[in-house]
Amino acid sequence: MNKNEKFVITINRELGSGGRTVGRKLAEKLNVAFYDKALINELKEKFHLDTEQIEKLKSGKNDWWKEFINSALYMGQGMNEMWYYNRMTSKEGYLVTSSDMFKQDKEILTKVAEEDSCIIAGRNGFSVFADHPNHLSILIQAPFEHRVQRIMGKQNLSREEAEKVIKKVDEMRENYVKKFTGTSRYDTRNYDLVINMEGKTEDEAVDLILQYIG
């Protein structure tokens, strides 16, 4: 990846690994926008996006698109992993997907990357941008115990509750990826860089990525 040209970095991460925080901090270091699936979904709700409206975006509604981007950046400042976890596990969580929703997500993410360099955290980014000429694909993992302890601390859950949340989200994400990409999110061949967070801080993981980029 050439950081001196327009680029897109995609980050797949396991729940509780700290991957979203790594992505956000990396975006700050590189001075680019950061987007994740929770943010994209919130924007879809705010703007009542449907396929027709996305087609209008693609056809050059620049003022509308600027509003979309500005809202994304503003909203992203107040988001955190707790909000993301709660959305993932809520009764009406956004992982209730369909082919049409997948198409919408893909088109929005593609449009985001066309505008400027960015970092996108999401379960299918590695596939959406597989043919992008300046794309870096990253997977951030952590041992199960590391993830359990992190979720227990952030959500004030018991061990049993934290384990249940992690297993549920892991299953949902894997099913989603297999359905729409035909591969597993755990297949390391989908990534340029895989980071195990055991014994590492988010800042140390960011430094590793920056060293890899050069």
C-alpha atoms as a PDB file:
ATOM      1  CA  MET A   1       0.000   0.000   0.000  1.00  0.00           C
ATOM      2  CA  ASN A   2       1.244   3.459  -0.915  1.00  0.00           C
ATOM      3  CA  LYS A   3       0.174   5.969   1.730  1.00  0.00           C
ATOM      4  CA  ASN A   4       1.132   8.849  -0.569  1.00  0.00           C
ATOM      5  CA  GLU A   5      -1.723   7.970  -2.916  1.00  0.00           C
ATOM      6  CA  LYS A   6      -5.437   7.566  -2.232  1.00  0.00           C
ATOM      7  CA  PHE A   7      -5.786   4.377  -0.182  1.00  0.00           C
ATOM      8  CA  VAL A   8      -8.265   2.287   1.751  1.00  0.00           C
ATOM      9  CA  ILE A   9      -7.401   0.200   4.794  1.00  0.00           C
ATOM     10  CA  THR A  10      -9.954  -2.384   5.875  1.00  0.00           C
ATOM     11  CA  ILE A  11      -9.917  -3.921   9.329  1.00  0.00           C
ATOM     12  CA  ASN A  12     -11.707  -7.102  10.258  1.00  0.00           C
ATOM     13  CA  ARG A  13     -11.681  -7.733  13.980  1.00  0.00           C
ATOM     14  CA  GLU A  14     -12.960 -10.096  16.591  1.00  0.00           C
ATOM     15  CA  LEU A  15     -15.361  -8.689  19.144  1.00  0.00           C
ATOM     16  CA  GLY A  16     -13.408  -7.781  22.264  1.00  0.00           C
ATOM     17  CA  SER A  17     -10.043  -7.631  20.488  1.00  0.00           C
ATOM     18  CA  GLY A  18      -9.881  -3.833  20.528  1.00  0.00           C
ATOM     19  CA  GLY A  19      -9.832  -3.715  16.748  1.00  0.00           C
ATOM     20  CA  ARG A  20     -12.216  -0.802  16.423  1.00  0.00           C
ATOM     21  CA  THR A  21     -10.066   1.293  18.760  1.00  0.00           C
ATOM     22  CA  VAL A  22      -6.986   0.342  16.748  1.00  0.00           C
ATOM     23  CA  GLY A  23      -8.741   1.455  13.565  1.00  0.00           C
ATOM     24  CA  ARG A  24      -9.808   4.767  15.052  1.00  0.00           C
ATOM     25  CA  LYS A  25      -6.327   5.514  16.409  1.00  0.00           C
ATOM     26  CA  LEU A  26      -4.722   4.506  13.121  1.00  0.00           C
ATOM     27  CA  ALA A  27      -7.040   6.892  11.283  1.00  0.00           C
ATOM     28  CA  GLU A  28      -5.974   9.696  13.626  1.00  0.00           C
ATOM     29  CA  LYS A  29      -2.291   8.925  12.974  1.00  0.00           C
ATOM     30  CA  LEU A  30      -2.808   8.908   9.209  1.00  0.00           C
ATOM     31  CA  ASN A  31      -5.190  11.882   9.328  1.00  0.00           C
ATOM     32  CA  VAL A  32      -7.945  10.111   7.392  1.00  0.00           C
ATOM     33  CA  ALA A  33     -11.611   9.361   8.063  1.00  0.00           C
ATOM     34  CA  PHE A  34     -12.657   6.252   9.966  1.00  0.00           C
ATOM     35  CA  TYR A  35     -15.870   4.343   9.260  1.00  0.00           C
ATOM     36  CA  ASP A  36     -17.304   1.186  10.745  1.00  0.00           C
ATOM     37  CA  LYS A  37     -20.412  -0.874  10.164  1.00  0.00           C
ATOM     38  CA  ALA A  38     -22.251   0.622  13.098  1.00  0.00           C
ATOM     39  CA  LEU A  39     -21.646   4.112  11.740  1.00  0.00           C
ATOM     40  CA  ILE A  40     -22.702   3.200   8.204  1.00  0.00           C
ATOM     41  CA  ASN A  41     -25.893   1.660   9.534  1.00  0.00           C
ATOM     42  CA  GLU A  42     -26.655   4.733  11.623  1.00  0.00           C
ATOM     43  CA  LEU A  43     -26.211   6.894   8.539  1.00  0.00           C
ATOM     44  CA  LYS A  44     -28.544   4.678   6.562  1.00  0.00           C
ATOM     45  CA  GLU A  45     -31.176   5.154   9.243  1.00  0.00           C
ATOM     46  CA  LYS A  46     -30.620   8.904   9.479  1.00  0.00           C
ATOM     47  CA  PHE A  47     -30.884   9.467   5.735  1.00  0.00           C
ATOM     48  CA  HIS A  48     -33.460   6.708   5.157  1.00  0.00           C
ATOM     49  CA  LEU A  49     -31.216   5.266   2.500  1.00  0.00           C
ATOM     50  CA  ASP A  50     -32.581   2.830   0.001  1.00  0.00           C
ATOM     51  CA  THR A  51     -31.187   1.500  -3.260  1.00  0.00           C
ATOM     52  CA  GLU A  52     -32.678   4.356  -5.294  1.00  0.00           C
ATOM     53  CA  GLN A  53     -31.077   7.004  -3.104  1.00  0.00           C
ATOM     54  CA  ILE A  54     -27.722   5.264  -3.267  1.00  0.00           C
ATOM     55  CA  GLU A  55     -27.972   5.299  -7.066  1.00  0.00           C
ATOM     56  CA  LYS A  56     -28.479   9.065  -6.835  1.00  0.00           C
ATOM     57  CA  LEU A  57     -25.314   9.281  -4.769  1.00  0.00           C
ATOM     58  CA  LYS A  58     -23.418   7.423  -7.448  1.00  0.00           C
ATOM     59  CA  SER A  59     -24.804   9.688 -10.148  1.00  0.00           C
ATOM     60  CA  GLY A  60     -23.200  12.768  -8.639  1.00  0.00           C
ATOM     61  CA  LYS A  61     -25.348  14.370  -5.951  1.00  0.00           C
ATOM     62  CA  ASN A  62     -22.283  16.007  -4.461  1.00  0.00           C
ATOM     63  CA  ASP A  63     -24.013  18.323  -1.982  1.00  0.00           C
ATOM     64  CA  TRP A  64     -26.023  15.441  -0.574  1.00  0.00           C
ATOM     65  CA  TRP A  65     -22.870  13.322  -0.372  1.00  0.00           C
ATOM     66  CA  LYS A  66     -20.953  16.023   1.487  1.00  0.00           C
ATOM     67  CA  GLU A  67     -23.724  16.160   4.059  1.00  0.00           C
ATOM     68  CA  PHE A  68     -23.518  12.393   4.357  1.00  0.00           C
ATOM     69  CA  ILE A  69     -19.747  12.461   4.927  1.00  0.00           C
ATOM     70  CA  ASN A  70     -19.866  15.382   7.353  1.00  0.00           C
ATOM     71  CA  SER A  71     -22.563  13.637   9.368  1.00  0.00           C
ATOM     72  CA  ALA A  72     -20.477  10.474   9.443  1.00  0.00           C
ATOM     73  CA  LEU A  73     -17.448  12.281  10.795  1.00  0.00           C
ATOM     74  CA  TYR A  74     -19.508  14.169  13.375  1.00  0.00           C
ATOM     75  CA  MET A  75     -21.332  11.064  14.549  1.00  0.00           C
ATOM     76  CA  GLY A  76     -18.146   9.061  14.693  1.00  0.00           C
ATOM     77  CA  GLN A  77     -16.665  11.401  17.289  1.00  0.00           C
ATOM     78  CA  GLY A  78     -19.236  10.331  19.862  1.00  0.00           C
ATOM     79  CA  MET A  79     -19.322   6.623  19.139  1.00  0.00           C
ATOM     80  CA  ASN A  80     -17.600   3.948  21.165  1.00  0.00           C
ATOM     81  CA  GLU A  81     -17.324   0.198  21.349  1.00  0.00           C
ATOM     82  CA  MET A  82     -20.001  -0.065  24.039  1.00  0.00           C
ATOM     83  CA  TRP A  83     -22.564   1.426  21.647  1.00  0.00           C
ATOM     84  CA  TYR A  84     -21.375  -0.988  19.010  1.00  0.00           C
ATOM     85  CA  TYR A  85     -21.686  -4.018  21.277  1.00  0.00           C
ATOM     86  CA  ASN A  86     -25.185  -3.046  22.333  1.00  0.00           C
ATOM     87  CA  ARG A  87     -26.302  -2.604  18.751  1.00  0.00           C
ATOM     88  CA  MET A  88     -24.839  -5.968  17.852  1.00  0.00           C
ATOM     89  CA  THR A  89     -26.766  -7.760  20.571  1.00  0.00           C
ATOM     90  CA  SER A  90     -30.022  -5.819  20.642  1.00  0.00           C
ATOM     91  CA  LYS A  91     -33.308  -7.414  19.638  1.00  0.00           C
ATOM     92  CA  GLU A  92     -33.402  -5.202  16.559  1.00  0.00           C
ATOM     93  CA  GLY A  93     -29.648  -5.345  15.912  1.00  0.00           C
ATOM     94  CA  TYR A  94     -28.484  -4.405  12.445  1.00  0.00           C
ATOM     95  CA  LEU A  95     -27.043  -7.833  11.720  1.00  0.00           C
ATOM     96  CA  VAL A  96     -30.516  -8.862  10.578  1.00  0.00           C
ATOM     97  CA  THR A  97     -29.368  -8.707   6.987  1.00  0.00           C
ATOM     98  CA  SER A  98     -30.621  -9.294   3.474  1.00  0.00           C
ATOM     99  CA  SER A  99     -29.027  -9.284   0.052  1.00  0.00           C
ATOM    100  CA  ASP A 100     -30.387  -5.803  -0.545  1.00  0.00           C
ATOM    101  CA  MET A 101     -28.843  -4.499   2.689  1.00  0.00           C
ATOM    102  CA  PHE A 102     -25.520  -6.059   1.729  1.00  0.00           C
ATOM    103  CA  LYS A 103     -25.696  -4.333  -1.650  1.00  0.00           C
ATOM    104  CA  GLN A 104     -26.415  -1.003   0.052  1.00  0.00           C
ATOM    105  CA  ASP A 105     -23.494  -1.421   2.435  1.00  0.00           C
ATOM    106  CA  LYS A 106     -21.156  -2.342  -0.402  1.00  0.00           C
ATOM    107  CA  GLU A 107     -22.161   0.635  -2.522  1.00  0.00           C
ATOM    108  CA  ILE A 108     -21.836   3.085   0.379  1.00  0.00           C
ATOM    109  CA  LEU A 109     -18.408   1.753   1.342  1.00  0.00           C
ATOM    110  CA  THR A 110     -17.246   1.887  -2.273  1.00  0.00           C
ATOM    111  CA  LYS A 111     -18.433   5.485  -2.563  1.00  0.00           C
ATOM    112  CA  VAL A 112     -16.675   6.406   0.700  1.00  0.00           C
ATOM    113  CA  ALA A 113     -13.374   5.023  -0.609  1.00  0.00           C
ATOM    114  CA  GLU A 114     -13.772   6.825  -3.935  1.00  0.00           C
ATOM    115  CA  GLU A 115     -13.919  10.195  -2.189  1.00  0.00           C
ATOM    116  CA  ASP A 116     -10.682  10.058  -0.207  1.00  0.00           C
ATOM    117  CA  SER A 117      -8.296   7.847   1.708  1.00  0.00           C
ATOM    118  CA  CYS A 118     -10.008   6.167   4.639  1.00  0.00           C
ATOM    119  CA  ILE A 119     -10.041   3.310   7.111  1.00  0.00           C
ATOM    120  CA  ILE A 120     -13.076   1.040   7.182  1.00  0.00           C
ATOM    121  CA  ALA A 121     -13.728  -1.434   9.971  1.00  0.00           C
ATOM    122  CA  GLY A 122     -16.233  -4.045   8.886  1.00  0.00           C
ATOM    123  CA  ARG A 123     -16.776  -7.711   8.425  1.00  0.00           C
ATOM    124  CA  ASN A 124     -16.758  -7.706   4.599  1.00  0.00           C
ATOM    125  CA  GLY A 125     -14.291  -4.936   3.777  1.00  0.00           C
ATOM    126  CA  PHE A 126     -11.601  -7.382   2.703  1.00  0.00           C
ATOM    127  CA  SER A 127     -13.974  -8.678   0.028  1.00  0.00           C
ATOM    128  CA  VAL A 128     -15.504  -5.358  -1.057  1.00  0.00           C
ATOM    129  CA  PHE A 129     -12.066  -3.899  -1.762  1.00  0.00           C
ATOM    130  CA  ALA A 130     -10.269  -7.056  -2.874  1.00  0.00           C
ATOM    131  CA  ASP A 131      -9.554  -5.515  -6.295  1.00  0.00           C
ATOM    132  CA  HIS A 132      -8.801  -2.004  -5.072  1.00  0.00           C
ATOM    133  CA  PRO A 133      -5.405  -0.919  -6.442  1.00  0.00           C
ATOM    134  CA  ASN A 134      -4.201   0.571  -3.133  1.00  0.00           C
ATOM    135  CA  HIS A 135      -5.807  -1.503  -0.395  1.00  0.00           C
ATOM    136  CA  LEU A 136      -4.397  -2.917   2.830  1.00  0.00           C
ATOM    137  CA  SER A 137      -6.432  -5.653   4.517  1.00  0.00           C
ATOM    138  CA  ILE A 138      -5.926  -6.299   8.237  1.00  0.00           C
ATOM    139  CA  LEU A 139      -7.313  -8.857  10.673  1.00  0.00           C
ATOM    140  CA  ILE A 140      -7.116  -8.143  14.399  1.00  0.00           C
ATOM    141  CA  GLN A 141      -7.573 -11.107  16.717  1.00  0.00           C
ATOM    142  CA  ALA A 142      -7.150 -11.908  20.388  1.00  0.00           C
ATOM    143  CA  PRO A 143      -7.293 -15.038  22.569  1.00  0.00           C
ATOM    144  CA  PHE A 144     -10.761 -15.850  23.846  1.00  0.00           C
ATOM    145  CA  GLU A 145      -9.819 -15.068  27.455  1.00  0.00           C
ATOM    146  CA  HIS A 146      -8.506 -11.640  26.422  1.00  0.00           C
ATOM    147  CA  ARG A 147     -11.786 -10.923  24.683  1.00  0.00           C
ATOM    148  CA  VAL A 148     -13.888 -12.131  27.609  1.00  0.00           C
ATOM    149  CA  GLN A 149     -12.006  -9.945  30.075  1.00  0.00           C
ATOM    150  CA  ARG A 150     -12.339  -6.911  27.816  1.00  0.00           C
ATOM    151  CA  ILE A 151     -16.089  -7.362  27.324  1.00  0.00           C
ATOM    152  CA  MET A 152     -16.619  -8.026  31.041  1.00  0.00           C
ATOM    153  CA  GLY A 153     -14.859  -4.773  31.866  1.00  0.00           C
ATOM    154  CA  LYS A 154     -16.453  -2.599  29.197  1.00  0.00           C
ATOM    155  CA  GLN A 155     -20.003  -3.838  29.580  1.00  0.00           C
ATOM    156  CA  ASN A 156     -19.948  -4.757  33.260  1.00  0.00           C
ATOM    157  CA  LEU A 157     -21.024  -8.303  32.411  1.00  0.00           C
ATOM    158  CA  SER A 158     -20.482 -11.576  34.205  1.00  0.00           C
ATOM    159  CA  ARG A 159     -18.129 -14.099  32.625  1.00  0.00           C
ATOM    160  CA  GLU A 160     -21.081 -16.183  31.469  1.00  0.00           C
ATOM    161  CA  GLU A 161     -22.773 -13.169  29.890  1.00  0.00           C
ATOM    162  CA  ALA A 162     -19.577 -11.999  28.175  1.00  0.00           C
ATOM    163  CA  GLU A 163     -18.878 -15.453  26.746  1.00  0.00           C
ATOM    164  CA  LYS A 164     -22.440 -15.652  25.445  1.00  0.00           C
ATOM    165  CA  VAL A 165     -22.189 -12.277  23.705  1.00  0.00           C
ATOM    166  CA  ILE A 166     -18.862 -13.126  22.074  1.00  0.00           C
ATOM    167  CA  LYS A 167     -20.017 -16.517  20.811  1.00  0.00           C
ATOM    168  CA  LYS A 168     -23.242 -15.064  19.452  1.00  0.00           C
ATOM    169  CA  VAL A 169     -21.521 -12.245  17.598  1.00  0.00           C
ATOM    170  CA  ASP A 170     -18.796 -14.566  16.273  1.00  0.00           C
ATOM    171  CA  GLU A 171     -21.416 -16.867  14.825  1.00  0.00           C
ATOM    172  CA  MET A 172     -23.447 -14.043  13.297  1.00  0.00           C
ATOM    173  CA  ARG A 173     -20.422 -12.423  11.695  1.00  0.00           C
ATOM    174  CA  GLU A 174     -19.078 -15.678  10.310  1.00  0.00           C
ATOM    175  CA  ASN A 175     -22.456 -16.611   8.839  1.00  0.00           C
ATOM    176  CA  TYR A 176     -22.730 -13.161   7.258  1.00  0.00           C
ATOM    177  CA  VAL A 177     -19.282 -13.353   5.669  1.00  0.00           C
ATOM    178  CA  LYS A 178     -19.826 -16.874   4.349  1.00  0.00           C
ATOM    179  CA  LYS A 179     -23.207 -15.950   2.893  1.00  0.00           C
ATOM    180  CA  PHE A 180     -22.040 -12.891   0.982  1.00  0.00           C
ATOM    181  CA  THR A 181     -18.374 -13.566   0.221  1.00  0.00           C
ATOM    182  CA  GLY A 182     -18.168 -17.352   0.019  1.00  0.00           C
ATOM    183  CA  THR A 183     -15.201 -17.466   2.372  1.00  0.00           C
ATOM    184  CA  SER A 184     -14.460 -17.419   6.099  1.00  0.00           C
ATOM    185  CA  ARG A 185     -13.474 -14.286   7.934  1.00  0.00           C
ATOM    186  CA  TYR A 186     -10.879 -16.421   9.720  1.00  0.00           C
ATOM    187  CA  ASP A 187      -9.117 -17.368   6.474  1.00  0.00           C
ATOM    188  CA  THR A 188      -5.827 -15.496   6.772  1.00  0.00           C
ATOM    189  CA  ARG A 189      -5.382 -15.579   2.991  1.00  0.00           C
ATOM    190  CA  ASN A 190      -7.904 -12.733   2.887  1.00  0.00           C
ATOM    191  CA  TYR A 191      -5.526 -10.390   4.712  1.00  0.00           C
ATOM    192  CA  ASP A 192      -2.175  -8.705   4.215  1.00  0.00           C
ATOM    193  CA  LEU A 193      -1.528  -8.400   7.935  1.00  0.00           C
ATOM    194  CA  VAL A 194      -2.837 -10.367  10.937  1.00  0.00           C
ATOM    195  CA  ILE A 195      -2.277  -9.051  14.462  1.00  0.00           C
ATOM    196  CA  ASN A 196      -2.743 -10.975  17.690  1.00  0.00           C
ATOM    197  CA  MET A 197      -3.557  -8.473  20.440  1.00  0.00           C
ATOM    198  CA  GLU A 198      -2.369 -10.662  23.308  1.00  0.00           C
ATOM    199  CA  GLY A 199       0.137  -8.650  25.321  1.00  0.00           C
ATOM    200  CA  LYS A 200      -0.277  -5.576  23.116  1.00  0.00           C
ATOM    201  CA  THR A 201      -1.929  -2.234  23.647  1.00  0.00           C
ATOM    202  CA  GLU A 202      -3.956  -0.583  20.909  1.00  0.00           C
ATOM    203  CA  ASP A 203      -1.178   1.973  20.442  1.00  0.00           C
ATOM    204  CA  GLU A 204       1.389  -0.794  19.987  1.00  0.00           C
ATOM    205  CA  ALA A 205      -0.831  -2.418  17.356  1.00  0.00           C
ATOM    206  CA  VAL A 206      -1.099   0.923  15.541  1.00  0.00           C
ATOM    207  CA  ASP A 207       2.693   1.229  15.571  1.00  0.00           C
ATOM    208  CA  LEU A 208       3.001  -2.254  14.069  1.00  0.00           C
ATOM    209  CA  ILE A 209       0.658  -1.302  11.238  1.00  0.00           C
ATOM    210  CA  LEU A 210       2.514   1.951  10.565  1.00  0.00           C
ATOM    211  CA  GLN A 211       5.804   0.035  10.450  1.00  0.00           C
ATOM    212  CA  TYR A 212       4.271  -2.412   7.986  1.00  0.00           C
ATOM    213  CA  ILE A 213       3.052   0.413   5.766  1.00  0.00           C
ATOM    214  CA  GLY A 214       6.471   2.054   5.906  1.00  0.00           C
END
